[in-house]
Amino acid sequence: MTLQLTAFVFTVLFCLQRLPSAIRGENRGMFSALLLMAVGMALSIPFFYLRVDSLLGGMNIANLLLRFSVFGAFLIFGMKAASAFNAPRAQRLIAGPVGFCVLGLASATVTVFFVLSDLPDSSTALRAYEGQDTVAAYGDTARLYQTYVAACLAPALFLCAADSRRRGEIRISAGLMSLGMTAFVVHALLSLALWNLSRGWWDRTLPYAAVLAISIALALVWNVRRIEKRKPKSNLLAMANGSI
């Protein structure tokens, strides 16, 4: 729970950090991605989940809202990050026909498994219903889209982090994002390998640690960009901060 709360607090703080610029019309897409991720983090915490779900009828619709919030956040972030770090192949895979097919498939599959599950009472993360096969399938297919986006981005971000021509701050940011994306992929692979078996610490740790790493990376890029706007220079930083 501590890691969940930490990820939520950091996401909200970084979202608020970008709010003044978003109001001015600057990079509203990334602000929207952070806002959606903050919603997703909030709905993973019982205090918020139970209250929101009670407003939606108390039948765990809030969990479905969580999944779609994360999908939206990854769609926006994936497109922005691929553009910012000059990764045209990743951008085509995320923002092209294949990417939208994966998003549509993930959304439809998640909805079908949700409808097929028996979820009469609110339960954060659907823990009260873990014994249902449809709930297990729902949880695993809900990871499909973010795993796809993460797999598309991780190699390009790693190459950026390893590029000695880049400024140190950008390399650190790219490295943190690559680490976060890799954590999402590892989590999905472990979930697939151990499907329908008891999950270990990694199931509660990897996703939130990944969100925390990505949020810190975005905040670092944003602060560097603010400094550069006060002291404009011609360097490779411009290639990595215009979209994020």
C-alpha atoms as a PDB file:
ATOM      1  CA  MET A   1       0.000   0.000   0.000  1.00  0.00           C
ATOM      2  CA  THR A   2       2.899   2.380   0.750  1.00  0.00           C
ATOM      3  CA  LEU A   3       4.206   2.103  -2.806  1.00  0.00           C
ATOM      4  CA  GLN A   4       0.710   2.657  -4.219  1.00  0.00           C
ATOM      5  CA  LEU A   5       0.258   5.808  -2.150  1.00  0.00           C
ATOM      6  CA  THR A   6       3.717   7.052  -3.122  1.00  0.00           C
ATOM      7  CA  ALA A   7       3.032   6.508  -6.820  1.00  0.00           C
ATOM      8  CA  PHE A   8      -0.324   8.265  -6.474  1.00  0.00           C
ATOM      9  CA  VAL A   9       1.118  11.267  -4.616  1.00  0.00           C
ATOM     10  CA  PHE A  10       3.995  11.704  -7.072  1.00  0.00           C
ATOM     11  CA  THR A  11       1.681  11.405 -10.066  1.00  0.00           C
ATOM     12  CA  VAL A  12      -0.687  14.033  -8.645  1.00  0.00           C
ATOM     13  CA  LEU A  13       2.196  16.379  -7.775  1.00  0.00           C
ATOM     14  CA  PHE A  14       3.711  16.152 -11.243  1.00  0.00           C
ATOM     15  CA  CYS A  15       0.279  16.606 -12.782  1.00  0.00           C
ATOM     16  CA  LEU A  16      -0.225  19.773 -10.740  1.00  0.00           C
ATOM     17  CA  GLN A  17       3.246  20.916 -11.759  1.00  0.00           C
ATOM     18  CA  ARG A  18       2.128  20.920 -15.379  1.00  0.00           C
ATOM     19  CA  LEU A  19      -1.305  22.431 -14.747  1.00  0.00           C
ATOM     20  CA  PRO A  20      -0.336  26.110 -15.243  1.00  0.00           C
ATOM     21  CA  SER A  21       1.293  25.312 -18.591  1.00  0.00           C
ATOM     22  CA  ALA A  22      -1.655  23.181 -19.660  1.00  0.00           C
ATOM     23  CA  ILE A  23      -3.978  26.098 -18.901  1.00  0.00           C
ATOM     24  CA  ARG A  24      -1.793  28.223 -21.189  1.00  0.00           C
ATOM     25  CA  GLY A  25      -2.205  25.585 -23.896  1.00  0.00           C
ATOM     26  CA  GLU A  26       1.267  24.006 -23.627  1.00  0.00           C
ATOM     27  CA  ASN A  27       1.501  20.231 -24.045  1.00  0.00           C
ATOM     28  CA  ARG A  28      -1.984  19.452 -22.840  1.00  0.00           C
ATOM     29  CA  GLY A  29      -1.613  15.909 -24.137  1.00  0.00           C
ATOM     30  CA  MET A  30       1.016  14.935 -21.581  1.00  0.00           C
ATOM     31  CA  PHE A  31      -0.928  16.692 -18.839  1.00  0.00           C
ATOM     32  CA  SER A  32      -3.947  14.586 -19.829  1.00  0.00           C
ATOM     33  CA  ALA A  33      -1.816  11.423 -19.684  1.00  0.00           C
ATOM     34  CA  LEU A  34      -0.614  12.266 -16.178  1.00  0.00           C
ATOM     35  CA  LEU A  35      -4.154  13.120 -15.100  1.00  0.00           C
ATOM     36  CA  LEU A  36      -5.470   9.798 -16.391  1.00  0.00           C
ATOM     37  CA  MET A  37      -2.639   7.958 -14.669  1.00  0.00           C
ATOM     38  CA  ALA A  38      -3.418   9.787 -11.421  1.00  0.00           C
ATOM     39  CA  VAL A  39      -7.041   8.638 -11.741  1.00  0.00           C
ATOM     40  CA  GLY A  40      -5.840   5.082 -12.273  1.00  0.00           C
ATOM     41  CA  MET A  41      -3.550   5.266  -9.236  1.00  0.00           C
ATOM     42  CA  ALA A  42      -6.354   6.713  -7.087  1.00  0.00           C
ATOM     43  CA  LEU A  43      -8.716   3.903  -8.050  1.00  0.00           C
ATOM     44  CA  SER A  44      -6.170   1.312  -6.937  1.00  0.00           C
ATOM     45  CA  ILE A  45      -6.455   2.651  -3.368  1.00  0.00           C
ATOM     46  CA  PRO A  46      -9.444   1.463  -1.284  1.00  0.00           C
ATOM     47  CA  PHE A  47     -10.217   4.925   0.133  1.00  0.00           C
ATOM     48  CA  PHE A  48     -10.895   6.340  -3.333  1.00  0.00           C
ATOM     49  CA  TYR A  49     -12.103   3.166  -5.032  1.00  0.00           C
ATOM     50  CA  LEU A  50     -14.922   2.369  -2.632  1.00  0.00           C
ATOM     51  CA  ARG A  51     -16.243   5.915  -2.658  1.00  0.00           C
ATOM     52  CA  VAL A  52     -16.135   6.292  -6.431  1.00  0.00           C
ATOM     53  CA  ASP A  53     -17.642   2.856  -6.999  1.00  0.00           C
ATOM     54  CA  SER A  54     -20.512   3.598  -4.615  1.00  0.00           C
ATOM     55  CA  LEU A  55     -21.373   6.587  -6.805  1.00  0.00           C
ATOM     56  CA  LEU A  56     -21.370   4.290  -9.853  1.00  0.00           C
ATOM     57  CA  GLY A  57     -23.725   1.738  -8.355  1.00  0.00           C
ATOM     58  CA  GLY A  58     -21.402  -0.369  -6.193  1.00  0.00           C
ATOM     59  CA  MET A  59     -20.841  -3.042  -8.865  1.00  0.00           C
ATOM     60  CA  ASN A  60     -17.125  -2.422  -9.505  1.00  0.00           C
ATOM     61  CA  ILE A  61     -17.630  -0.161 -12.522  1.00  0.00           C
ATOM     62  CA  ALA A  62     -14.798   1.862 -10.964  1.00  0.00           C
ATOM     63  CA  ASN A  63     -12.419  -0.980 -11.811  1.00  0.00           C
ATOM     64  CA  LEU A  64     -13.394  -0.772 -15.451  1.00  0.00           C
ATOM     65  CA  LEU A  65     -12.881   3.014 -15.255  1.00  0.00           C
ATOM     66  CA  LEU A  66      -9.407   2.368 -13.853  1.00  0.00           C
ATOM     67  CA  ARG A  67      -8.530   0.118 -16.805  1.00  0.00           C
ATOM     68  CA  PHE A  68      -9.701   2.602 -19.430  1.00  0.00           C
ATOM     69  CA  SER A  69      -7.911   5.466 -17.666  1.00  0.00           C
ATOM     70  CA  VAL A  70      -4.647   3.530 -17.883  1.00  0.00           C
ATOM     71  CA  PHE A  71      -5.289   2.677 -21.539  1.00  0.00           C
ATOM     72  CA  GLY A  72      -5.818   6.352 -22.345  1.00  0.00           C
ATOM     73  CA  ALA A  73      -2.723   7.400 -20.406  1.00  0.00           C
ATOM     74  CA  PHE A  74      -0.531   4.889 -22.251  1.00  0.00           C
ATOM     75  CA  LEU A  75      -1.927   5.842 -25.648  1.00  0.00           C
ATOM     76  CA  ILE A  76      -1.083   9.523 -25.131  1.00  0.00           C
ATOM     77  CA  PHE A  77       2.222   8.877 -23.393  1.00  0.00           C
ATOM     78  CA  GLY A  78       3.301   6.346 -26.005  1.00  0.00           C
ATOM     79  CA  MET A  79       2.692   8.732 -28.898  1.00  0.00           C
ATOM     80  CA  LYS A  80       4.339  11.663 -27.120  1.00  0.00           C
ATOM     81  CA  ALA A  81       7.392   9.731 -25.939  1.00  0.00           C
ATOM     82  CA  ALA A  82       7.974   8.110 -29.330  1.00  0.00           C
ATOM     83  CA  SER A  83       7.896  11.535 -30.967  1.00  0.00           C
ATOM     84  CA  ALA A  84      10.057  13.194 -28.304  1.00  0.00           C
ATOM     85  CA  PHE A  85      12.787  10.557 -28.402  1.00  0.00           C
ATOM     86  CA  ASN A  86      12.793  10.282 -32.203  1.00  0.00           C
ATOM     87  CA  ALA A  87      11.517   6.704 -32.392  1.00  0.00           C
ATOM     88  CA  PRO A  88       9.514   6.551 -35.650  1.00  0.00           C
ATOM     89  CA  ARG A  89       9.107   2.772 -35.581  1.00  0.00           C
ATOM     90  CA  ALA A  90       7.636   2.868 -32.075  1.00  0.00           C
ATOM     91  CA  GLN A  91       5.411   5.759 -33.120  1.00  0.00           C
ATOM     92  CA  ARG A  92       4.057   3.787 -36.085  1.00  0.00           C
ATOM     93  CA  LEU A  93       3.416   0.737 -33.903  1.00  0.00           C
ATOM     94  CA  ILE A  94       1.594   2.780 -31.260  1.00  0.00           C
ATOM     95  CA  ALA A  95      -0.230   5.413 -33.316  1.00  0.00           C
ATOM     96  CA  GLY A  96      -0.729   3.341 -36.473  1.00  0.00           C
ATOM     97  CA  PRO A  97      -3.315   0.713 -37.439  1.00  0.00           C
ATOM     98  CA  VAL A  98      -1.630  -2.085 -35.459  1.00  0.00           C
ATOM     99  CA  GLY A  99      -1.536  -0.020 -32.274  1.00  0.00           C
ATOM    100  CA  PHE A 100      -5.186   0.977 -32.529  1.00  0.00           C
ATOM    101  CA  CYS A 101      -6.152  -2.631 -33.249  1.00  0.00           C
ATOM    102  CA  VAL A 102      -4.354  -3.728 -30.068  1.00  0.00           C
ATOM    103  CA  LEU A 103      -6.118  -0.959 -28.128  1.00  0.00           C
ATOM    104  CA  GLY A 104      -9.509  -1.945 -29.535  1.00  0.00           C
ATOM    105  CA  LEU A 105      -8.898  -5.646 -28.851  1.00  0.00           C
ATOM    106  CA  ALA A 106      -7.762  -4.962 -25.291  1.00  0.00           C
ATOM    107  CA  SER A 107     -10.749  -2.699 -24.592  1.00  0.00           C
ATOM    108  CA  ALA A 108     -13.259  -5.159 -26.017  1.00  0.00           C
ATOM    109  CA  THR A 109     -11.741  -8.186 -24.253  1.00  0.00           C
ATOM    110  CA  VAL A 110     -11.585  -6.423 -20.907  1.00  0.00           C
ATOM    111  CA  THR A 111     -15.224  -5.365 -21.235  1.00  0.00           C
ATOM    112  CA  VAL A 112     -16.364  -8.880 -22.143  1.00  0.00           C
ATOM    113  CA  PHE A 113     -14.571 -10.519 -19.201  1.00  0.00           C
ATOM    114  CA  PHE A 114     -15.894  -7.839 -16.868  1.00  0.00           C
ATOM    115  CA  VAL A 115     -19.475  -8.458 -17.987  1.00  0.00           C
ATOM    116  CA  LEU A 116     -19.040 -12.240 -17.670  1.00  0.00           C
ATOM    117  CA  SER A 117     -17.769 -11.932 -14.082  1.00  0.00           C
ATOM    118  CA  ASP A 118     -20.044 -11.996 -11.032  1.00  0.00           C
ATOM    119  CA  LEU A 119     -19.145  -8.798  -9.166  1.00  0.00           C
ATOM    120  CA  PRO A 120     -22.131  -7.844  -6.980  1.00  0.00           C
ATOM    121  CA  ASP A 121     -20.266  -5.802  -4.329  1.00  0.00           C
ATOM    122  CA  SER A 122     -17.442  -3.246  -4.427  1.00  0.00           C
ATOM    123  CA  SER A 123     -14.001  -4.756  -3.931  1.00  0.00           C
ATOM    124  CA  THR A 124     -10.763  -2.862  -4.558  1.00  0.00           C
ATOM    125  CA  ALA A 125      -8.714  -4.621  -7.265  1.00  0.00           C
ATOM    126  CA  LEU A 126     -11.523  -7.228  -7.272  1.00  0.00           C
ATOM    127  CA  ARG A 127      -9.687  -9.094  -4.499  1.00  0.00           C
ATOM    128  CA  ALA A 128     -12.926 -10.626  -3.218  1.00  0.00           C
ATOM    129  CA  TYR A 129     -13.430 -12.328  -6.591  1.00  0.00           C
ATOM    130  CA  GLU A 130      -9.944 -13.639  -7.355  1.00  0.00           C
ATOM    131  CA  GLY A 131     -11.240 -17.203  -7.445  1.00  0.00           C
ATOM    132  CA  GLN A 132     -13.241 -16.596 -10.627  1.00  0.00           C
ATOM    133  CA  ASP A 133     -11.483 -17.582 -13.860  1.00  0.00           C
ATOM    134  CA  THR A 134     -13.127 -14.697 -15.698  1.00  0.00           C
ATOM    135  CA  VAL A 135     -11.738 -12.221 -13.138  1.00  0.00           C
ATOM    136  CA  ALA A 136      -8.250 -13.684 -13.531  1.00  0.00           C
ATOM    137  CA  ALA A 137      -8.579 -13.401 -17.315  1.00  0.00           C
ATOM    138  CA  TYR A 138      -9.919  -9.864 -16.923  1.00  0.00           C
ATOM    139  CA  GLY A 139      -6.863  -8.826 -14.919  1.00  0.00           C
ATOM    140  CA  ASP A 140      -4.408 -10.387 -17.332  1.00  0.00           C
ATOM    141  CA  THR A 141      -6.001  -9.015 -20.505  1.00  0.00           C
ATOM    142  CA  ALA A 142      -6.179  -5.579 -18.839  1.00  0.00           C
ATOM    143  CA  ARG A 143      -2.378  -5.551 -19.003  1.00  0.00           C
ATOM    144  CA  LEU A 144      -2.316  -6.261 -22.729  1.00  0.00           C
ATOM    145  CA  TYR A 145      -2.274  -2.696 -24.041  1.00  0.00           C
ATOM    146  CA  GLN A 146       0.200  -1.123 -21.626  1.00  0.00           C
ATOM    147  CA  THR A 147       2.516  -4.089 -22.139  1.00  0.00           C
ATOM    148  CA  TYR A 148       2.331  -3.566 -25.894  1.00  0.00           C
ATOM    149  CA  VAL A 149       3.137   0.151 -25.605  1.00  0.00           C
ATOM    150  CA  ALA A 150       5.921  -0.560 -23.126  1.00  0.00           C
ATOM    151  CA  ALA A 151       7.478  -3.176 -25.417  1.00  0.00           C
ATOM    152  CA  CYS A 152       7.400  -0.694 -28.313  1.00  0.00           C
ATOM    153  CA  LEU A 153       9.040   2.106 -26.322  1.00  0.00           C
ATOM    154  CA  ALA A 154      11.582   0.358 -24.097  1.00  0.00           C
ATOM    155  CA  PRO A 155      14.261  -0.305 -26.790  1.00  0.00           C
ATOM    156  CA  ALA A 156      14.163   3.277 -28.142  1.00  0.00           C
ATOM    157  CA  LEU A 157      14.328   4.738 -24.642  1.00  0.00           C
ATOM    158  CA  PHE A 158      17.258   2.492 -23.761  1.00  0.00           C
ATOM    159  CA  LEU A 159      19.157   3.604 -26.875  1.00  0.00           C
ATOM    160  CA  CYS A 160      18.529   7.229 -25.956  1.00  0.00           C
ATOM    161  CA  ALA A 161      19.820   6.627 -22.427  1.00  0.00           C
ATOM    162  CA  ALA A 162      22.954   5.032 -23.868  1.00  0.00           C
ATOM    163  CA  ASP A 163      23.590   7.892 -26.346  1.00  0.00           C
ATOM    164  CA  SER A 164      26.571   9.867 -25.037  1.00  0.00           C
ATOM    165  CA  ARG A 165      25.661  12.833 -27.275  1.00  0.00           C
ATOM    166  CA  ARG A 166      22.603  13.520 -25.156  1.00  0.00           C
ATOM    167  CA  ARG A 167      22.639  15.683 -22.071  1.00  0.00           C
ATOM    168  CA  GLY A 168      22.880  13.886 -18.754  1.00  0.00           C
ATOM    169  CA  GLU A 169      19.391  14.860 -17.601  1.00  0.00           C
ATOM    170  CA  ILE A 170      17.816  13.512 -20.770  1.00  0.00           C
ATOM    171  CA  ARG A 171      19.770  10.267 -20.561  1.00  0.00           C
ATOM    172  CA  ILE A 172      18.678   9.793 -16.947  1.00  0.00           C
ATOM    173  CA  SER A 173      15.057  10.505 -17.883  1.00  0.00           C
ATOM    174  CA  ALA A 174      15.177   8.084 -20.806  1.00  0.00           C
ATOM    175  CA  GLY A 175      16.817   5.479 -18.584  1.00  0.00           C
ATOM    176  CA  LEU A 176      14.123   5.812 -15.916  1.00  0.00           C
ATOM    177  CA  MET A 177      11.381   5.566 -18.538  1.00  0.00           C
ATOM    178  CA  SER A 178      13.049   2.530 -20.091  1.00  0.00           C
ATOM    179  CA  LEU A 179      13.289   0.917 -16.656  1.00  0.00           C
ATOM    180  CA  GLY A 180       9.621   1.627 -16.003  1.00  0.00           C
ATOM    181  CA  MET A 181       8.524   0.245 -19.369  1.00  0.00           C
ATOM    182  CA  THR A 182      10.652  -2.868 -18.885  1.00  0.00           C
ATOM    183  CA  ALA A 183       9.016  -3.399 -15.482  1.00  0.00           C
ATOM    184  CA  PHE A 184       5.583  -3.404 -17.146  1.00  0.00           C
ATOM    185  CA  VAL A 185       6.734  -6.039 -19.646  1.00  0.00           C
ATOM    186  CA  VAL A 186       8.326  -8.212 -16.941  1.00  0.00           C
ATOM    187  CA  HIS A 187       5.165  -7.972 -14.842  1.00  0.00           C
ATOM    188  CA  ALA A 188       3.015  -9.105 -17.769  1.00  0.00           C
ATOM    189  CA  LEU A 189       5.344 -12.036 -18.560  1.00  0.00           C
ATOM    190  CA  LEU A 190       5.376 -13.184 -14.939  1.00  0.00           C
ATOM    191  CA  SER A 191       1.580 -12.907 -14.782  1.00  0.00           C
ATOM    192  CA  LEU A 192       1.279 -15.022 -17.927  1.00  0.00           C
ATOM    193  CA  ALA A 193       3.768 -17.626 -16.705  1.00  0.00           C
ATOM    194  CA  LEU A 194       2.058 -17.911 -13.314  1.00  0.00           C
ATOM    195  CA  TRP A 195      -1.517 -17.577 -14.542  1.00  0.00           C
ATOM    196  CA  ASN A 196      -4.109 -18.798 -12.033  1.00  0.00           C
ATOM    197  CA  LEU A 197      -1.406 -19.317  -9.391  1.00  0.00           C
ATOM    198  CA  SER A 198      -0.747 -17.244  -6.277  1.00  0.00           C
ATOM    199  CA  ARG A 199       1.099 -14.023  -7.052  1.00  0.00           C
ATOM    200  CA  GLY A 200       4.173 -12.861  -5.160  1.00  0.00           C
ATOM    201  CA  TRP A 201       5.438  -9.460  -4.056  1.00  0.00           C
ATOM    202  CA  TRP A 202       6.224  -8.572  -7.660  1.00  0.00           C
ATOM    203  CA  ASP A 203       2.513  -8.413  -8.530  1.00  0.00           C
ATOM    204  CA  ARG A 204       1.994  -5.585  -6.042  1.00  0.00           C
ATOM    205  CA  THR A 205       5.351  -3.880  -6.580  1.00  0.00           C
ATOM    206  CA  LEU A 206       6.336  -3.821 -10.261  1.00  0.00           C
ATOM    207  CA  PRO A 207       3.401  -1.805 -11.731  1.00  0.00           C
ATOM    208  CA  TYR A 208       3.551   0.946  -9.106  1.00  0.00           C
ATOM    209  CA  ALA A 209       7.350   1.117  -9.170  1.00  0.00           C
ATOM    210  CA  ALA A 210       7.119   1.482 -12.957  1.00  0.00           C
ATOM    211  CA  VAL A 211       4.609   4.347 -12.704  1.00  0.00           C
ATOM    212  CA  LEU A 212       6.822   6.050 -10.118  1.00  0.00           C
ATOM    213  CA  ALA A 213       9.929   5.778 -12.321  1.00  0.00           C
ATOM    214  CA  ILE A 214       8.104   7.154 -15.375  1.00  0.00           C
ATOM    215  CA  SER A 215       6.567  10.025 -13.388  1.00  0.00           C
ATOM    216  CA  ILE A 216       9.937  11.067 -11.968  1.00  0.00           C
ATOM    217  CA  ALA A 217      11.457  10.928 -15.459  1.00  0.00           C
ATOM    218  CA  LEU A 218       8.724  13.169 -16.863  1.00  0.00           C
ATOM    219  CA  ALA A 219       9.172  15.640 -14.023  1.00  0.00           C
ATOM    220  CA  LEU A 220      12.926  15.761 -14.656  1.00  0.00           C
ATOM    221  CA  VAL A 221      12.419  16.462 -18.371  1.00  0.00           C
ATOM    222  CA  TRP A 222       9.849  19.130 -17.581  1.00  0.00           C
ATOM    223  CA  ASN A 223      12.133  20.941 -15.145  1.00  0.00           C
ATOM    224  CA  VAL A 224      15.030  20.821 -17.603  1.00  0.00           C
ATOM    225  CA  ARG A 225      12.757  22.283 -20.241  1.00  0.00           C
ATOM    226  CA  ARG A 226      11.777  25.158 -17.951  1.00  0.00           C
ATOM    227  CA  ILE A 227      15.438  25.944 -17.314  1.00  0.00           C
ATOM    228  CA  GLU A 228      16.228  25.804 -21.033  1.00  0.00           C
ATOM    229  CA  LYS A 229      13.417  28.231 -21.810  1.00  0.00           C
ATOM    230  CA  ARG A 230      15.132  30.756 -19.553  1.00  0.00           C
ATOM    231  CA  LYS A 231      18.557  30.026 -21.097  1.00  0.00           C
ATOM    232  CA  PRO A 232      17.912  28.924 -24.689  1.00  0.00           C
ATOM    233  CA  LYS A 233      20.695  26.940 -26.347  1.00  0.00           C
ATOM    234  CA  SER A 234      21.038  24.861 -29.440  1.00  0.00           C
ATOM    235  CA  ASN A 235      21.601  21.271 -28.319  1.00  0.00           C
ATOM    236  CA  LEU A 236      20.182  17.798 -28.519  1.00  0.00           C
ATOM    237  CA  LEU A 237      17.875  18.515 -25.604  1.00  0.00           C
ATOM    238  CA  ALA A 238      15.359  20.004 -28.014  1.00  0.00           C
ATOM    239  CA  MET A 239      14.958  16.605 -29.604  1.00  0.00           C
ATOM    240  CA  ALA A 240      13.743  15.073 -26.358  1.00  0.00           C
ATOM    241  CA  ASN A 241      11.532  17.568 -24.604  1.00  0.00           C
ATOM    242  CA  GLY A 242       9.219  19.191 -27.088  1.00  0.00           C
ATOM    243  CA  SER A 243       6.539  16.529 -26.817  1.00  0.00           C
ATOM    244  CA  ILE A 244       6.857  15.546 -23.161  1.00  0.00           C
END
